[in-house]
N, C-alpha and C. Protein backbone atom coordinates (compact mmCIF):
# COMPACT_ATOMS: atom_id res chain seq x y z
N MET A 1 3.26 -31.70 18.18
CA MET A 1 4.04 -31.82 19.40
C MET A 1 3.79 -33.20 20.01
N GLY A 2 4.38 -34.20 19.40
CA GLY A 2 4.25 -35.54 19.92
C GLY A 2 2.97 -36.25 19.50
N LYS A 3 2.25 -35.70 18.54
CA LYS A 3 1.01 -36.32 18.07
C LYS A 3 1.00 -36.36 16.54
N PRO A 4 1.96 -37.11 15.97
CA PRO A 4 2.08 -37.10 14.51
C PRO A 4 0.85 -37.63 13.78
N ASP A 5 0.17 -38.61 14.35
CA ASP A 5 -1.03 -39.14 13.68
C ASP A 5 -2.13 -38.09 13.61
N GLU A 6 -2.31 -37.35 14.70
CA GLU A 6 -3.33 -36.29 14.71
C GLU A 6 -2.96 -35.18 13.73
N ALA A 7 -1.67 -34.84 13.69
CA ALA A 7 -1.22 -33.79 12.77
C ALA A 7 -1.45 -34.21 11.32
N THR A 8 -1.12 -35.45 11.02
CA THR A 8 -1.31 -35.97 9.66
C THR A 8 -2.78 -35.91 9.27
N LYS A 9 -3.67 -36.27 10.21
CA LYS A 9 -5.10 -36.23 9.93
C LYS A 9 -5.58 -34.79 9.71
N LEU A 10 -5.10 -33.85 10.52
CA LEU A 10 -5.51 -32.45 10.35
C LEU A 10 -5.10 -31.92 8.98
N VAL A 11 -3.88 -32.24 8.57
CA VAL A 11 -3.40 -31.80 7.25
C VAL A 11 -4.23 -32.46 6.14
N ALA A 12 -4.48 -33.75 6.28
CA ALA A 12 -5.28 -34.45 5.26
C ALA A 12 -6.70 -33.87 5.19
N ASP A 13 -7.27 -33.55 6.35
CA ASP A 13 -8.61 -32.96 6.37
C ASP A 13 -8.63 -31.59 5.69
N LEU A 14 -7.57 -30.80 5.91
CA LEU A 14 -7.50 -29.49 5.25
C LEU A 14 -7.36 -29.66 3.74
N GLU A 15 -6.50 -30.58 3.32
CA GLU A 15 -6.35 -30.82 1.88
C GLU A 15 -7.67 -31.27 1.26
N ALA A 16 -8.43 -32.09 2.00
CA ALA A 16 -9.74 -32.52 1.51
C ALA A 16 -10.71 -31.34 1.43
N ALA A 17 -10.60 -30.43 2.38
CA ALA A 17 -11.47 -29.23 2.36
C ALA A 17 -11.16 -28.36 1.14
N PHE A 18 -9.87 -28.22 0.80
CA PHE A 18 -9.51 -27.47 -0.40
C PHE A 18 -10.06 -28.18 -1.64
N THR A 19 -9.93 -29.50 -1.69
CA THR A 19 -10.44 -30.26 -2.83
C THR A 19 -11.94 -30.07 -2.97
N GLU A 20 -12.67 -30.15 -1.87
CA GLU A 20 -14.12 -29.97 -1.90
C GLU A 20 -14.49 -28.54 -2.32
N THR A 21 -13.74 -27.56 -1.83
CA THR A 21 -13.99 -26.17 -2.19
C THR A 21 -13.78 -25.96 -3.69
N ARG A 22 -12.72 -26.54 -4.23
CA ARG A 22 -12.48 -26.43 -5.68
C ARG A 22 -13.62 -27.10 -6.46
N LYS A 23 -14.08 -28.24 -5.98
CA LYS A 23 -15.16 -28.96 -6.66
C LYS A 23 -16.45 -28.14 -6.63
N GLN A 24 -16.73 -27.49 -5.52
CA GLN A 24 -17.96 -26.70 -5.39
C GLN A 24 -17.88 -25.35 -6.11
N ASN A 25 -16.67 -24.92 -6.47
CA ASN A 25 -16.47 -23.61 -7.09
C ASN A 25 -15.60 -23.74 -8.34
N PRO A 26 -16.11 -24.37 -9.40
CA PRO A 26 -15.29 -24.58 -10.59
C PRO A 26 -14.85 -23.28 -11.25
N ILE A 27 -15.49 -22.17 -10.91
CA ILE A 27 -15.09 -20.87 -11.46
C ILE A 27 -13.65 -20.52 -11.10
N LEU A 28 -13.12 -21.12 -10.03
CA LEU A 28 -11.76 -20.82 -9.58
C LEU A 28 -10.69 -21.49 -10.45
N ASP A 29 -11.04 -22.60 -11.06
CA ASP A 29 -10.06 -23.43 -11.75
C ASP A 29 -9.37 -22.68 -12.89
N GLY A 30 -8.05 -22.61 -12.78
CA GLY A 30 -7.25 -22.01 -13.84
C GLY A 30 -7.26 -20.50 -13.92
N LYS A 31 -7.94 -19.86 -13.00
CA LYS A 31 -7.97 -18.39 -13.02
C LYS A 31 -6.64 -17.83 -12.54
N HIS A 32 -6.32 -16.64 -13.03
CA HIS A 32 -5.12 -15.94 -12.58
C HIS A 32 -5.50 -15.04 -11.40
N ALA A 33 -4.74 -15.19 -10.33
CA ALA A 33 -5.00 -14.41 -9.12
C ALA A 33 -3.68 -14.07 -8.45
N ALA A 34 -3.68 -12.98 -7.71
CA ALA A 34 -2.49 -12.60 -6.94
C ALA A 34 -2.91 -11.65 -5.83
N CYS A 35 -2.01 -11.50 -4.90
CA CYS A 35 -2.19 -10.55 -3.81
C CYS A 35 -1.28 -9.36 -4.07
N ALA A 36 -1.87 -8.19 -4.09
CA ALA A 36 -1.11 -6.95 -4.30
C ALA A 36 -1.27 -6.08 -3.07
N GLU A 37 -0.28 -5.23 -2.85
CA GLU A 37 -0.29 -4.37 -1.67
C GLU A 37 0.05 -2.94 -2.07
N LEU A 38 -0.48 -2.03 -1.28
CA LEU A 38 -0.09 -0.62 -1.39
C LEU A 38 0.17 -0.12 0.01
N TRP A 39 1.43 0.18 0.28
CA TRP A 39 1.85 0.74 1.57
C TRP A 39 2.40 2.13 1.30
N GLY A 40 1.67 3.14 1.70
CA GLY A 40 2.06 4.51 1.37
C GLY A 40 1.92 4.70 -0.13
N ALA A 41 3.04 4.96 -0.80
CA ALA A 41 3.03 5.13 -2.25
C ALA A 41 3.63 3.93 -2.97
N ASP A 42 3.96 2.87 -2.21
CA ASP A 42 4.69 1.74 -2.78
C ASP A 42 3.79 0.53 -3.03
N PHE A 43 3.74 0.11 -4.28
CA PHE A 43 3.00 -1.09 -4.67
C PHE A 43 3.93 -2.29 -4.59
N SER A 44 3.37 -3.44 -4.28
CA SER A 44 4.12 -4.69 -4.36
C SER A 44 3.17 -5.83 -4.72
N ILE A 45 3.76 -6.91 -5.17
CA ILE A 45 3.01 -8.11 -5.53
C ILE A 45 3.62 -9.26 -4.75
N LEU A 46 2.79 -10.14 -4.20
CA LEU A 46 3.30 -11.26 -3.42
C LEU A 46 3.58 -12.45 -4.32
N GLY A 47 4.63 -13.17 -3.99
CA GLY A 47 5.02 -14.34 -4.76
C GLY A 47 4.44 -15.63 -4.20
N ALA A 48 4.79 -16.73 -4.84
CA ALA A 48 4.25 -18.04 -4.48
C ALA A 48 4.66 -18.49 -3.09
N SER A 49 5.74 -17.93 -2.54
CA SER A 49 6.15 -18.34 -1.20
C SER A 49 5.34 -17.66 -0.10
N ALA A 50 4.54 -16.67 -0.44
CA ALA A 50 3.70 -16.00 0.55
C ALA A 50 2.48 -16.87 0.85
N PRO A 51 2.13 -17.05 2.12
CA PRO A 51 0.97 -17.88 2.45
C PRO A 51 -0.32 -17.44 1.77
N ARG A 52 -0.51 -16.13 1.59
CA ARG A 52 -1.73 -15.66 0.92
C ARG A 52 -1.78 -16.16 -0.52
N THR A 53 -0.65 -16.11 -1.19
CA THR A 53 -0.59 -16.60 -2.57
C THR A 53 -0.76 -18.11 -2.60
N GLN A 54 -0.15 -18.80 -1.63
CA GLN A 54 -0.29 -20.25 -1.57
C GLN A 54 -1.75 -20.65 -1.39
N PHE A 55 -2.48 -19.86 -0.60
CA PHE A 55 -3.91 -20.13 -0.44
C PHE A 55 -4.62 -20.08 -1.79
N LEU A 56 -4.32 -19.07 -2.59
CA LEU A 56 -4.93 -18.94 -3.92
C LEU A 56 -4.54 -20.11 -4.82
N ILE A 57 -3.28 -20.51 -4.74
CA ILE A 57 -2.80 -21.66 -5.52
C ILE A 57 -3.54 -22.92 -5.10
N ASP A 58 -3.71 -23.10 -3.79
CA ASP A 58 -4.43 -24.27 -3.28
C ASP A 58 -5.89 -24.28 -3.71
N LEU A 59 -6.43 -23.12 -4.04
CA LEU A 59 -7.80 -23.03 -4.57
C LEU A 59 -7.87 -23.35 -6.06
N GLY A 60 -6.71 -23.57 -6.70
CA GLY A 60 -6.68 -23.92 -8.12
C GLY A 60 -6.34 -22.77 -9.04
N MET A 61 -5.93 -21.65 -8.46
CA MET A 61 -5.59 -20.48 -9.27
C MET A 61 -4.07 -20.37 -9.40
N SER A 62 -3.61 -19.46 -10.25
CA SER A 62 -2.17 -19.27 -10.44
C SER A 62 -1.89 -17.82 -10.80
N MET A 63 -0.61 -17.48 -10.75
CA MET A 63 -0.18 -16.15 -11.18
C MET A 63 0.19 -16.21 -12.65
N PRO A 64 -0.09 -15.15 -13.40
CA PRO A 64 0.39 -15.12 -14.78
C PRO A 64 1.92 -15.07 -14.80
N ASP A 65 2.50 -15.56 -15.87
CA ASP A 65 3.96 -15.63 -15.97
C ASP A 65 4.64 -14.29 -15.73
N SER A 66 4.05 -13.21 -16.24
CA SER A 66 4.70 -11.89 -16.12
C SER A 66 4.90 -11.51 -14.65
N LEU A 67 3.90 -11.76 -13.82
CA LEU A 67 4.02 -11.43 -12.39
C LEU A 67 4.89 -12.45 -11.67
N ALA A 68 4.76 -13.72 -12.03
CA ALA A 68 5.58 -14.75 -11.40
C ALA A 68 7.07 -14.50 -11.66
N LYS A 69 7.41 -14.08 -12.87
CA LYS A 69 8.81 -13.78 -13.20
C LYS A 69 9.30 -12.55 -12.43
N LEU A 70 8.43 -11.58 -12.27
CA LEU A 70 8.78 -10.36 -11.55
C LEU A 70 9.14 -10.67 -10.10
N VAL A 71 8.39 -11.56 -9.47
CA VAL A 71 8.62 -11.89 -8.06
C VAL A 71 9.70 -12.95 -7.92
N GLY A 72 9.77 -13.88 -8.85
CA GLY A 72 10.74 -14.96 -8.73
C GLY A 72 10.45 -15.81 -7.51
N LYS A 73 11.48 -16.14 -6.75
CA LYS A 73 11.32 -16.98 -5.56
C LYS A 73 11.18 -16.16 -4.29
N LYS A 74 11.14 -14.83 -4.44
CA LYS A 74 11.03 -13.97 -3.27
C LYS A 74 9.61 -13.98 -2.70
N TYR A 75 9.49 -13.49 -1.47
CA TYR A 75 8.18 -13.36 -0.84
C TYR A 75 7.32 -12.35 -1.59
N ASN A 76 7.94 -11.23 -1.95
CA ASN A 76 7.23 -10.20 -2.71
C ASN A 76 8.22 -9.41 -3.55
N ALA A 77 7.68 -8.56 -4.39
CA ALA A 77 8.53 -7.71 -5.23
C ALA A 77 7.84 -6.37 -5.41
N PRO A 78 8.64 -5.30 -5.48
CA PRO A 78 8.04 -4.00 -5.76
C PRO A 78 7.39 -4.01 -7.13
N LEU A 79 6.33 -3.26 -7.23
CA LEU A 79 5.62 -3.12 -8.50
C LEU A 79 5.64 -1.64 -8.83
N SER A 80 6.51 -1.26 -9.75
CA SER A 80 6.63 0.16 -10.09
C SER A 80 5.32 0.67 -10.69
N SER A 81 5.15 1.98 -10.65
CA SER A 81 3.91 2.55 -11.20
C SER A 81 3.78 2.22 -12.69
N GLU A 82 4.90 2.02 -13.37
CA GLU A 82 4.85 1.66 -14.79
C GLU A 82 4.38 0.22 -15.00
N LYS A 83 4.45 -0.59 -13.95
CA LYS A 83 4.07 -2.00 -14.08
C LYS A 83 2.78 -2.37 -13.36
N VAL A 84 2.14 -1.40 -12.71
CA VAL A 84 0.90 -1.69 -12.00
C VAL A 84 -0.15 -2.27 -12.96
N ASP A 85 -0.09 -1.89 -14.23
CA ASP A 85 -1.08 -2.40 -15.18
C ASP A 85 -0.96 -3.91 -15.41
N LEU A 86 0.13 -4.53 -14.95
CA LEU A 86 0.23 -5.99 -15.03
C LEU A 86 -0.87 -6.67 -14.22
N ILE A 87 -1.40 -5.95 -13.25
CA ILE A 87 -2.48 -6.49 -12.43
C ILE A 87 -3.70 -6.81 -13.29
N ASP A 88 -3.84 -6.13 -14.40
CA ASP A 88 -4.98 -6.42 -15.28
C ASP A 88 -4.85 -7.75 -16.01
N GLU A 89 -3.72 -8.44 -15.86
CA GLU A 89 -3.61 -9.80 -16.38
C GLU A 89 -4.30 -10.80 -15.45
N LEU A 90 -4.72 -10.31 -14.28
CA LEU A 90 -5.37 -11.17 -13.30
C LEU A 90 -6.87 -11.24 -13.53
N ASP A 91 -7.44 -12.37 -13.16
CA ASP A 91 -8.90 -12.48 -13.13
C ASP A 91 -9.44 -11.90 -11.84
N VAL A 92 -8.63 -11.95 -10.79
CA VAL A 92 -9.01 -11.36 -9.50
C VAL A 92 -7.73 -10.97 -8.75
N VAL A 93 -7.81 -9.85 -8.06
CA VAL A 93 -6.68 -9.39 -7.25
C VAL A 93 -7.17 -9.21 -5.82
N ILE A 94 -6.35 -9.63 -4.88
CA ILE A 94 -6.62 -9.42 -3.46
C ILE A 94 -5.74 -8.25 -3.04
N TRP A 95 -6.36 -7.13 -2.70
CA TRP A 95 -5.63 -5.91 -2.33
C TRP A 95 -5.49 -5.80 -0.82
N THR A 96 -4.29 -5.46 -0.37
CA THR A 96 -4.04 -5.17 1.04
C THR A 96 -3.40 -3.81 1.17
N THR A 97 -3.88 -3.06 2.13
CA THR A 97 -3.31 -1.79 2.55
C THR A 97 -3.77 -1.60 3.99
N GLU A 98 -3.37 -0.53 4.61
CA GLU A 98 -3.88 -0.25 5.95
C GLU A 98 -5.39 -0.02 5.86
N TYR A 99 -6.10 -0.47 6.86
CA TYR A 99 -7.56 -0.30 6.89
C TYR A 99 -7.94 1.15 6.65
N THR A 100 -7.21 2.06 7.26
CA THR A 100 -7.52 3.48 7.14
C THR A 100 -7.18 4.03 5.75
N ASP A 101 -6.45 3.27 4.94
CA ASP A 101 -6.05 3.72 3.60
C ASP A 101 -6.84 3.04 2.48
N THR A 102 -7.86 2.27 2.84
CA THR A 102 -8.63 1.54 1.82
C THR A 102 -9.25 2.48 0.80
N LYS A 103 -9.84 3.56 1.27
CA LYS A 103 -10.46 4.53 0.36
C LYS A 103 -9.40 5.13 -0.56
N ALA A 104 -8.24 5.48 0.00
CA ALA A 104 -7.16 6.05 -0.81
C ALA A 104 -6.66 5.05 -1.86
N LEU A 105 -6.63 3.77 -1.51
CA LEU A 105 -6.23 2.74 -2.47
C LEU A 105 -7.17 2.77 -3.67
N LEU A 106 -8.46 2.75 -3.41
CA LEU A 106 -9.43 2.71 -4.51
C LEU A 106 -9.51 4.01 -5.29
N GLU A 107 -9.08 5.11 -4.67
CA GLU A 107 -9.06 6.41 -5.36
C GLU A 107 -7.73 6.68 -6.06
N ASN A 108 -6.73 5.85 -5.80
CA ASN A 108 -5.44 6.00 -6.47
C ASN A 108 -5.67 5.84 -7.98
N LYS A 109 -5.20 6.80 -8.76
CA LYS A 109 -5.46 6.79 -10.20
C LYS A 109 -5.02 5.50 -10.85
N LEU A 110 -3.86 4.98 -10.48
CA LEU A 110 -3.37 3.74 -11.09
C LEU A 110 -4.31 2.57 -10.80
N VAL A 111 -4.80 2.50 -9.58
CA VAL A 111 -5.71 1.42 -9.19
C VAL A 111 -7.09 1.64 -9.80
N ARG A 112 -7.57 2.85 -9.73
CA ARG A 112 -8.89 3.20 -10.26
C ARG A 112 -9.01 2.88 -11.75
N ASP A 113 -7.92 3.06 -12.50
CA ASP A 113 -7.95 2.85 -13.94
C ASP A 113 -7.80 1.38 -14.36
N LEU A 114 -7.53 0.50 -13.42
CA LEU A 114 -7.38 -0.91 -13.75
C LEU A 114 -8.74 -1.53 -14.10
N ARG A 115 -8.73 -2.43 -15.08
CA ARG A 115 -9.97 -3.16 -15.41
C ARG A 115 -10.45 -3.98 -14.21
N THR A 116 -9.51 -4.54 -13.46
CA THR A 116 -9.90 -5.33 -12.30
C THR A 116 -10.70 -4.49 -11.31
N THR A 117 -10.37 -3.21 -11.22
CA THR A 117 -11.13 -2.31 -10.33
C THR A 117 -12.46 -1.95 -10.97
N LYS A 118 -12.42 -1.51 -12.21
CA LYS A 118 -13.66 -1.09 -12.89
C LYS A 118 -14.68 -2.21 -12.98
N GLU A 119 -14.20 -3.44 -13.11
CA GLU A 119 -15.10 -4.59 -13.26
C GLU A 119 -15.41 -5.27 -11.94
N GLY A 120 -14.92 -4.71 -10.84
CA GLY A 120 -15.22 -5.27 -9.53
C GLY A 120 -14.54 -6.60 -9.25
N ARG A 121 -13.43 -6.85 -9.93
CA ARG A 121 -12.72 -8.13 -9.77
C ARG A 121 -11.59 -8.01 -8.75
N TYR A 122 -11.91 -7.46 -7.60
CA TYR A 122 -10.94 -7.32 -6.53
C TYR A 122 -11.60 -7.61 -5.19
N VAL A 123 -10.79 -8.08 -4.27
CA VAL A 123 -11.22 -8.32 -2.90
C VAL A 123 -10.30 -7.52 -2.00
N LEU A 124 -10.89 -6.79 -1.09
CA LEU A 124 -10.10 -6.02 -0.13
C LEU A 124 -9.80 -6.87 1.10
N ALA A 125 -8.54 -6.91 1.47
CA ALA A 125 -8.09 -7.63 2.67
C ALA A 125 -7.19 -6.68 3.46
N PRO A 126 -7.80 -5.67 4.09
CA PRO A 126 -7.00 -4.64 4.75
C PRO A 126 -6.31 -5.12 6.01
N ASN A 127 -5.25 -4.42 6.35
CA ASN A 127 -4.54 -4.65 7.61
C ASN A 127 -5.23 -3.80 8.68
N GLY A 128 -5.86 -4.44 9.62
CA GLY A 128 -6.58 -3.73 10.67
C GLY A 128 -8.06 -3.71 10.40
N GLY A 129 -8.80 -3.04 11.26
CA GLY A 129 -10.26 -3.02 11.13
C GLY A 129 -10.85 -4.33 11.62
N ASN A 130 -12.05 -4.63 11.16
CA ASN A 130 -12.76 -5.82 11.61
C ASN A 130 -12.73 -6.96 10.61
N ASP A 131 -11.96 -6.85 9.56
CA ASP A 131 -11.93 -7.86 8.51
C ASP A 131 -10.71 -8.76 8.73
N ASP A 132 -10.96 -10.02 9.01
CA ASP A 132 -9.87 -10.96 9.28
C ASP A 132 -9.37 -11.69 8.05
N LEU A 133 -9.80 -11.28 6.87
CA LEU A 133 -9.43 -11.97 5.65
C LEU A 133 -7.91 -12.02 5.46
N LEU A 134 -7.25 -10.88 5.62
CA LEU A 134 -5.79 -10.83 5.46
C LEU A 134 -5.12 -11.84 6.37
N TYR A 135 -5.48 -11.82 7.63
CA TYR A 135 -4.81 -12.67 8.61
C TYR A 135 -5.11 -14.14 8.37
N SER A 136 -6.34 -14.46 8.00
CA SER A 136 -6.68 -15.87 7.79
C SER A 136 -5.88 -16.46 6.64
N MET A 137 -5.64 -15.67 5.61
CA MET A 137 -4.86 -16.16 4.47
C MET A 137 -3.37 -16.09 4.75
N ASP A 138 -2.94 -15.16 5.57
CA ASP A 138 -1.51 -14.92 5.77
C ASP A 138 -0.88 -15.83 6.81
N TRP A 139 -1.63 -16.25 7.79
CA TRP A 139 -1.02 -17.09 8.83
C TRP A 139 -0.72 -18.48 8.31
N GLY A 140 -1.49 -18.95 7.36
CA GLY A 140 -1.18 -20.23 6.74
C GLY A 140 -1.31 -21.43 7.66
N SER A 141 -2.09 -21.31 8.72
CA SER A 141 -2.27 -22.44 9.64
C SER A 141 -3.52 -23.22 9.25
N ILE A 142 -3.66 -24.39 9.82
CA ILE A 142 -4.84 -25.20 9.53
C ILE A 142 -6.11 -24.46 9.92
N LEU A 143 -6.12 -23.86 11.10
CA LEU A 143 -7.31 -23.14 11.54
C LEU A 143 -7.58 -21.89 10.71
N SER A 144 -6.52 -21.13 10.41
CA SER A 144 -6.75 -19.89 9.65
C SER A 144 -7.17 -20.19 8.21
N TYR A 145 -6.59 -21.22 7.60
CA TYR A 145 -7.00 -21.58 6.24
C TYR A 145 -8.44 -22.09 6.21
N ARG A 146 -8.86 -22.78 7.26
CA ARG A 146 -10.26 -23.22 7.34
C ARG A 146 -11.19 -22.00 7.33
N TRP A 147 -10.83 -20.99 8.13
CA TRP A 147 -11.63 -19.76 8.19
C TRP A 147 -11.62 -19.10 6.81
N ALA A 148 -10.46 -19.05 6.19
CA ALA A 148 -10.36 -18.43 4.86
C ALA A 148 -11.19 -19.19 3.82
N LEU A 149 -11.18 -20.51 3.89
CA LEU A 149 -12.00 -21.28 2.95
C LEU A 149 -13.47 -20.89 3.07
N GLU A 150 -13.93 -20.71 4.30
CA GLU A 150 -15.34 -20.38 4.53
C GLU A 150 -15.67 -18.92 4.24
N ASN A 151 -14.71 -18.03 4.43
CA ASN A 151 -14.99 -16.59 4.33
C ASN A 151 -14.36 -15.90 3.13
N ALA A 152 -13.17 -16.30 2.74
CA ALA A 152 -12.51 -15.67 1.60
C ALA A 152 -13.04 -16.22 0.28
N THR A 153 -13.25 -17.52 0.23
CA THR A 153 -13.67 -18.14 -1.03
C THR A 153 -14.95 -17.52 -1.59
N PRO A 154 -16.01 -17.34 -0.80
CA PRO A 154 -17.22 -16.71 -1.37
C PRO A 154 -16.96 -15.31 -1.91
N ARG A 155 -16.07 -14.57 -1.28
CA ARG A 155 -15.76 -13.22 -1.75
C ARG A 155 -14.99 -13.28 -3.07
N ILE A 156 -14.06 -14.22 -3.16
CA ILE A 156 -13.29 -14.38 -4.41
C ILE A 156 -14.22 -14.80 -5.54
N VAL A 157 -15.13 -15.72 -5.26
CA VAL A 157 -16.10 -16.17 -6.27
C VAL A 157 -16.96 -15.01 -6.73
N LYS A 158 -17.41 -14.17 -5.80
CA LYS A 158 -18.20 -12.99 -6.19
C LYS A 158 -17.40 -12.06 -7.09
N ALA A 159 -16.12 -11.90 -6.80
CA ALA A 159 -15.28 -11.03 -7.63
C ALA A 159 -15.10 -11.60 -9.03
N LEU A 160 -15.15 -12.91 -9.14
CA LEU A 160 -14.96 -13.56 -10.44
C LEU A 160 -16.23 -13.68 -11.27
N ASP A 161 -17.39 -13.43 -10.67
CA ASP A 161 -18.63 -13.73 -11.38
C ASP A 161 -18.99 -12.73 -12.48
N GLY A 162 -18.26 -11.61 -12.56
CA GLY A 162 -18.50 -10.65 -13.63
C GLY A 162 -19.71 -9.76 -13.43
N ASP A 163 -20.33 -9.82 -12.26
CA ASP A 163 -21.53 -9.04 -11.98
C ASP A 163 -21.20 -7.99 -10.92
N LEU A 164 -21.23 -6.72 -11.31
CA LEU A 164 -20.91 -5.64 -10.36
C LEU A 164 -21.90 -5.59 -9.19
N ALA A 165 -23.07 -6.17 -9.37
CA ALA A 165 -24.08 -6.15 -8.30
C ALA A 165 -23.70 -7.08 -7.15
N THR A 166 -22.83 -8.05 -7.40
CA THR A 166 -22.39 -8.95 -6.33
C THR A 166 -21.04 -8.47 -5.81
N ASP A 167 -21.07 -7.41 -5.05
CA ASP A 167 -19.86 -6.78 -4.52
C ASP A 167 -19.20 -7.67 -3.47
N PRO A 168 -17.99 -8.16 -3.73
CA PRO A 168 -17.32 -9.03 -2.76
C PRO A 168 -16.86 -8.30 -1.51
N ASN A 169 -16.95 -6.99 -1.53
CA ASN A 169 -16.44 -6.19 -0.42
C ASN A 169 -17.55 -5.53 0.38
N ALA A 170 -18.79 -5.91 0.10
CA ALA A 170 -19.93 -5.32 0.82
C ALA A 170 -20.08 -5.96 2.19
């Protein structure tokens, strides 16, 4: 708002923070990641235009072609029960549902049977409760992405480390 030099610096500082985060966490480079949701009985996958997905892309990760084609240029796409297993093409999945439905998400047979679930390669970002992970990634602002870099990145790294003892959702 009338301060273009300050805005340019804030954006450059955020880009530098992403670069530094990628450098400090090489495990992120080239990994497949996506944000999936379960609202009631309906699964969906977020596309590259969603701020949460853009955050993952800015960390150096990408969606596998099968999921990227499914979503196309849309914000999200339904994921039928027959296609939920596509989530296993991911190295890490960020799951969102209502805070009160988190247990039901993990007990859902389709989710429970996924390798990403069995191997602990998921991060919960519920809507509501005391966890601001969803909002920090979804608002896509300089301040929210800074918070996400500090708080989401360690959880994503824990999910990628292959060790069930390092629970990213504890």
